Amino acid sequence: MFICFLALFSLDVFQPGLGFWQIALGLFIHNIPALVLSVVLLISWKYEIVGGIGFIFAGVFYIVMLLGHFEWYMLSWILTISGPAFLVGVLFFASWFQKKNNV
């Protein structure tokens, strides 16, 4: 659901006057984070540690990207994007830890 939420932000590409290839390129560029996290998710279904590291890294990466031009209203952006990424990462770590202790 988090990856689908990120993909929704790419819908701002559709604007009057843009050609097919401009829209296709815009969709691809806007969906790079969702595509990367989709690959991480596919790997994480087998190896939970990858999901823990990948999603937490994605949350930290987003925060670092915003720090270059930080304004106080961006705190809500950080909570909206990085918060779910951290939660998913922690849940993957919990699953990995539980699986590791049961073996």
N, C-alpha and C. Protein backbone atom coordinates (compact mmCIF):
# COMPACT_ATOMS: atom_id res chain seq x y z
N MET A 1 0.83 -1.19 0.00
CA MET A 1 0.00 0.00 0.00
C MET A 1 0.87 1.26 0.00
N PHE A 2 2.00 1.19 0.73
CA PHE A 2 2.89 2.35 0.78
C PHE A 2 3.46 2.65 -0.61
N ILE A 3 3.83 1.61 -1.35
CA ILE A 3 4.39 1.81 -2.69
C ILE A 3 3.32 2.39 -3.62
N CYS A 4 2.09 1.92 -3.51
CA CYS A 4 1.00 2.49 -4.31
C CYS A 4 0.76 3.95 -3.94
N PHE A 5 0.88 4.27 -2.67
CA PHE A 5 0.74 5.66 -2.21
C PHE A 5 1.81 6.53 -2.87
N LEU A 6 3.04 6.04 -2.92
CA LEU A 6 4.10 6.81 -3.58
C LEU A 6 3.83 6.97 -5.07
N ALA A 7 3.29 5.93 -5.68
CA ALA A 7 3.02 5.99 -7.11
C ALA A 7 1.92 7.01 -7.44
N LEU A 8 1.04 7.27 -6.50
CA LEU A 8 -0.02 8.26 -6.75
C LEU A 8 0.54 9.65 -7.03
N PHE A 9 1.69 9.96 -6.46
CA PHE A 9 2.27 11.28 -6.67
C PHE A 9 2.71 11.51 -8.10
N SER A 10 2.83 10.45 -8.89
CA SER A 10 3.26 10.61 -10.28
C SER A 10 2.11 11.07 -11.18
N LEU A 11 0.90 11.06 -10.68
CA LEU A 11 -0.24 11.42 -11.53
C LEU A 11 -0.28 12.91 -11.87
N ASP A 12 0.57 13.71 -11.24
CA ASP A 12 0.61 15.13 -11.59
C ASP A 12 1.29 15.36 -12.94
N VAL A 13 1.79 14.30 -13.56
CA VAL A 13 2.44 14.41 -14.86
C VAL A 13 1.43 14.72 -15.96
N PHE A 14 0.21 14.25 -15.79
CA PHE A 14 -0.81 14.45 -16.82
C PHE A 14 -1.25 15.91 -16.86
N GLN A 15 -0.80 16.60 -17.90
CA GLN A 15 -1.14 18.01 -18.10
C GLN A 15 -1.48 18.23 -19.57
N PRO A 16 -2.38 19.14 -19.83
CA PRO A 16 -2.73 19.43 -21.24
C PRO A 16 -1.50 19.93 -22.00
N GLY A 17 -1.39 19.50 -23.23
CA GLY A 17 -0.32 19.99 -24.09
C GLY A 17 0.92 19.12 -24.09
N LEU A 18 0.99 18.12 -23.24
CA LEU A 18 2.15 17.23 -23.23
C LEU A 18 1.90 16.06 -24.17
N GLY A 19 2.94 15.67 -24.87
CA GLY A 19 2.83 14.53 -25.77
C GLY A 19 2.96 13.21 -25.03
N PHE A 20 2.72 12.12 -25.78
CA PHE A 20 2.78 10.79 -25.20
C PHE A 20 4.13 10.50 -24.57
N TRP A 21 5.21 10.79 -25.29
CA TRP A 21 6.55 10.46 -24.79
C TRP A 21 6.94 11.33 -23.60
N GLN A 22 6.49 12.57 -23.57
CA GLN A 22 6.75 13.43 -22.41
C GLN A 22 6.05 12.88 -21.17
N ILE A 23 4.81 12.44 -21.34
CA ILE A 23 4.08 11.87 -20.21
C ILE A 23 4.71 10.55 -19.78
N ALA A 24 5.08 9.71 -20.75
CA ALA A 24 5.70 8.42 -20.42
C ALA A 24 7.01 8.62 -19.67
N LEU A 25 7.84 9.55 -20.12
CA LEU A 25 9.11 9.84 -19.44
C LEU A 25 8.86 10.41 -18.05
N GLY A 26 7.89 11.30 -17.94
CA GLY A 26 7.55 11.87 -16.63
C GLY A 26 7.06 10.82 -15.66
N LEU A 27 6.21 9.91 -16.13
CA LEU A 27 5.73 8.83 -15.27
C LEU A 27 6.88 7.95 -14.81
N PHE A 28 7.78 7.63 -15.75
CA PHE A 28 8.93 6.79 -15.37
C PHE A 28 9.79 7.47 -14.32
N ILE A 29 10.12 8.73 -14.54
CA ILE A 29 10.99 9.45 -13.61
C ILE A 29 10.32 9.59 -12.24
N HIS A 30 9.03 9.92 -12.22
CA HIS A 30 8.33 10.07 -10.95
C HIS A 30 8.16 8.75 -10.21
N ASN A 31 8.15 7.65 -10.94
CA ASN A 31 7.93 6.34 -10.32
C ASN A 31 9.21 5.58 -10.01
N ILE A 32 10.36 6.17 -10.20
CA ILE A 32 11.62 5.49 -9.87
C ILE A 32 11.65 5.04 -8.40
N PRO A 33 11.28 5.88 -7.42
CA PRO A 33 11.27 5.39 -6.03
C PRO A 33 10.31 4.21 -5.83
N ALA A 34 9.14 4.26 -6.44
CA ALA A 34 8.19 3.16 -6.30
C ALA A 34 8.71 1.89 -6.96
N LEU A 35 9.38 2.03 -8.09
CA LEU A 35 9.95 0.86 -8.77
C LEU A 35 11.07 0.24 -7.95
N VAL A 36 11.93 1.08 -7.39
CA VAL A 36 13.03 0.57 -6.56
C VAL A 36 12.48 -0.14 -5.33
N LEU A 37 11.50 0.46 -4.68
CA LEU A 37 10.91 -0.16 -3.49
C LEU A 37 10.13 -1.42 -3.86
N SER A 38 9.59 -1.51 -5.07
CA SER A 38 8.93 -2.74 -5.51
C SER A 38 9.93 -3.88 -5.63
N VAL A 39 11.11 -3.58 -6.17
CA VAL A 39 12.16 -4.60 -6.25
C VAL A 39 12.60 -5.01 -4.85
N VAL A 40 12.76 -4.04 -3.96
CA VAL A 40 13.12 -4.36 -2.57
C VAL A 40 12.05 -5.23 -1.93
N LEU A 41 10.79 -4.93 -2.20
CA LEU A 41 9.69 -5.72 -1.64
C LEU A 41 9.71 -7.15 -2.17
N LEU A 42 9.96 -7.31 -3.45
CA LEU A 42 10.01 -8.66 -4.02
C LEU A 42 11.12 -9.49 -3.38
N ILE A 43 12.27 -8.89 -3.17
CA ILE A 43 13.38 -9.59 -2.52
C ILE A 43 13.06 -9.84 -1.05
N SER A 44 12.35 -8.91 -0.43
CA SER A 44 12.05 -8.98 1.01
C SER A 44 11.09 -10.10 1.36
N TRP A 45 10.29 -10.55 0.43
CA TRP A 45 9.39 -11.65 0.73
C TRP A 45 10.16 -12.92 1.03
N LYS A 46 11.37 -13.02 0.52
CA LYS A 46 12.22 -14.18 0.81
C LYS A 46 13.22 -13.87 1.93
N TYR A 47 13.79 -12.69 1.90
CA TYR A 47 14.81 -12.27 2.88
C TYR A 47 14.34 -11.00 3.57
N GLU A 48 13.75 -11.14 4.75
CA GLU A 48 13.15 -9.99 5.44
C GLU A 48 14.15 -8.91 5.81
N ILE A 49 15.39 -9.30 6.03
CA ILE A 49 16.41 -8.33 6.42
C ILE A 49 16.60 -7.27 5.32
N VAL A 50 16.44 -7.67 4.07
CA VAL A 50 16.56 -6.73 2.95
C VAL A 50 15.46 -5.68 3.03
N GLY A 51 14.25 -6.10 3.37
CA GLY A 51 13.14 -5.15 3.52
C GLY A 51 13.36 -4.20 4.68
N GLY A 52 13.87 -4.73 5.79
CA GLY A 52 14.16 -3.87 6.93
C GLY A 52 15.16 -2.79 6.60
N ILE A 53 16.23 -3.20 5.99
CA ILE A 53 17.28 -2.23 5.63
C ILE A 53 16.80 -1.31 4.51
N GLY A 54 16.17 -1.87 3.49
CA GLY A 54 15.75 -1.08 2.32
C GLY A 54 14.73 0.00 2.64
N PHE A 55 13.70 -0.36 3.39
CA PHE A 55 12.65 0.62 3.67
C PHE A 55 13.13 1.67 4.68
N ILE A 56 13.92 1.28 5.65
CA ILE A 56 14.46 2.29 6.57
C ILE A 56 15.43 3.21 5.84
N PHE A 57 16.23 2.65 4.95
CA PHE A 57 17.12 3.48 4.15
C PHE A 57 16.31 4.46 3.29
N ALA A 58 15.20 4.00 2.72
CA ALA A 58 14.36 4.89 1.90
C ALA A 58 13.82 6.05 2.73
N GLY A 59 13.39 5.76 3.97
CA GLY A 59 12.91 6.83 4.84
C GLY A 59 13.99 7.83 5.18
N VAL A 60 15.18 7.33 5.51
CA VAL A 60 16.30 8.22 5.83
C VAL A 60 16.71 9.02 4.60
N PHE A 61 16.74 8.37 3.44
CA PHE A 61 17.11 9.05 2.20
C PHE A 61 16.17 10.22 1.90
N TYR A 62 14.86 10.00 2.12
CA TYR A 62 13.89 11.08 1.88
C TYR A 62 14.13 12.25 2.82
N ILE A 63 14.41 11.96 4.08
CA ILE A 63 14.69 13.04 5.05
C ILE A 63 15.94 13.81 4.64
N VAL A 64 16.98 13.10 4.25
CA VAL A 64 18.23 13.76 3.85
C VAL A 64 18.00 14.63 2.61
N MET A 65 17.17 14.15 1.68
CA MET A 65 16.88 14.95 0.48
C MET A 65 16.17 16.26 0.85
N LEU A 66 15.31 16.22 1.85
CA LEU A 66 14.59 17.44 2.24
C LEU A 66 15.44 18.40 3.06
N LEU A 67 16.46 17.91 3.71
CA LEU A 67 17.26 18.78 4.57
C LEU A 67 18.02 19.85 3.81
N GLY A 68 18.22 19.66 2.52
CA GLY A 68 18.93 20.65 1.72
C GLY A 68 18.19 21.97 1.62
N HIS A 69 16.87 21.93 1.67
CA HIS A 69 16.06 23.15 1.59
C HIS A 69 14.88 23.04 2.56
N PHE A 70 15.17 22.79 3.80
CA PHE A 70 14.16 22.48 4.81
C PHE A 70 13.38 23.72 5.24
N GLU A 71 12.09 23.57 5.31
CA GLU A 71 11.18 24.54 5.89
C GLU A 71 10.33 23.79 6.91
N TRP A 72 9.77 24.47 7.90
CA TRP A 72 9.06 23.80 8.99
C TRP A 72 7.82 23.05 8.53
N TYR A 73 7.17 23.54 7.50
CA TYR A 73 5.97 22.84 7.02
C TYR A 73 6.32 21.48 6.41
N MET A 74 7.58 21.25 6.09
CA MET A 74 8.00 19.97 5.52
C MET A 74 8.02 18.84 6.54
N LEU A 75 7.86 19.17 7.82
CA LEU A 75 7.77 18.12 8.83
C LEU A 75 6.60 17.18 8.55
N SER A 76 5.49 17.73 8.07
CA SER A 76 4.35 16.87 7.74
C SER A 76 4.69 15.97 6.55
N TRP A 77 5.49 16.46 5.61
CA TRP A 77 5.92 15.63 4.49
C TRP A 77 6.78 14.48 4.99
N ILE A 78 7.68 14.80 5.92
CA ILE A 78 8.57 13.77 6.47
C ILE A 78 7.76 12.69 7.17
N LEU A 79 6.77 13.10 7.97
CA LEU A 79 5.94 12.13 8.67
C LEU A 79 5.09 11.31 7.70
N THR A 80 4.62 11.93 6.64
CA THR A 80 3.75 11.25 5.69
C THR A 80 4.50 10.24 4.82
N ILE A 81 5.72 10.56 4.43
CA ILE A 81 6.48 9.68 3.54
C ILE A 81 7.43 8.78 4.33
N SER A 82 8.23 9.35 5.22
CA SER A 82 9.22 8.56 5.94
C SER A 82 8.60 7.72 7.05
N GLY A 83 7.54 8.20 7.66
CA GLY A 83 6.89 7.45 8.74
C GLY A 83 6.46 6.05 8.31
N PRO A 84 5.67 5.92 7.24
CA PRO A 84 5.28 4.58 6.79
C PRO A 84 6.48 3.74 6.33
N ALA A 85 7.48 4.38 5.72
CA ALA A 85 8.66 3.63 5.30
C ALA A 85 9.37 3.04 6.52
N PHE A 86 9.51 3.85 7.58
CA PHE A 86 10.13 3.34 8.80
C PHE A 86 9.30 2.21 9.41
N LEU A 87 7.99 2.37 9.42
CA LEU A 87 7.11 1.35 9.99
C LEU A 87 7.24 0.03 9.22
N VAL A 88 7.23 0.09 7.91
CA VAL A 88 7.38 -1.12 7.10
C VAL A 88 8.75 -1.75 7.35
N GLY A 89 9.79 -0.93 7.43
CA GLY A 89 11.12 -1.45 7.71
C GLY A 89 11.20 -2.13 9.07
N VAL A 90 10.61 -1.51 10.08
CA VAL A 90 10.61 -2.11 11.43
C VAL A 90 9.83 -3.42 11.43
N LEU A 91 8.72 -3.48 10.71
CA LEU A 91 7.97 -4.73 10.64
C LEU A 91 8.75 -5.83 9.94
N PHE A 92 9.50 -5.49 8.89
CA PHE A 92 10.35 -6.49 8.25
C PHE A 92 11.45 -6.96 9.21
N PHE A 93 12.04 -6.03 9.96
CA PHE A 93 13.04 -6.43 10.95
C PHE A 93 12.44 -7.34 12.02
N ALA A 94 11.24 -7.03 12.47
CA ALA A 94 10.58 -7.87 13.49
C ALA A 94 10.33 -9.27 12.94
N SER A 95 9.89 -9.35 11.69
CA SER A 95 9.65 -10.66 11.08
C SER A 95 10.95 -11.43 10.93
N TRP A 96 12.01 -10.75 10.52
CA TRP A 96 13.31 -11.40 10.38
C TRP A 96 13.82 -11.89 11.73
N PHE A 97 13.68 -11.05 12.75
CA PHE A 97 14.15 -11.41 14.09
C PHE A 97 13.36 -12.60 14.64
N GLN A 98 12.05 -12.60 14.42
CA GLN A 98 11.22 -13.71 14.90
C GLN A 98 11.57 -15.00 14.16
N LYS A 99 11.78 -14.92 12.86
CA LYS A 99 12.14 -16.10 12.09
C LYS A 99 13.51 -16.64 12.52
N LYS A 100 14.44 -15.70 12.79
CA LYS A 100 15.79 -16.09 13.20
C LYS A 100 15.76 -16.79 14.56
N ASN A 101 14.93 -16.34 15.48
CA ASN A 101 14.86 -16.93 16.82
C ASN A 101 14.10 -18.24 16.84
N ASN A 102 13.22 -18.49 15.88
CA ASN A 102 12.47 -19.73 15.84
C ASN A 102 13.25 -20.87 15.23
N VAL A 103 14.34 -20.57 14.56
CA VAL A 103 15.13 -21.63 13.90
C VAL A 103 16.09 -22.26 14.85
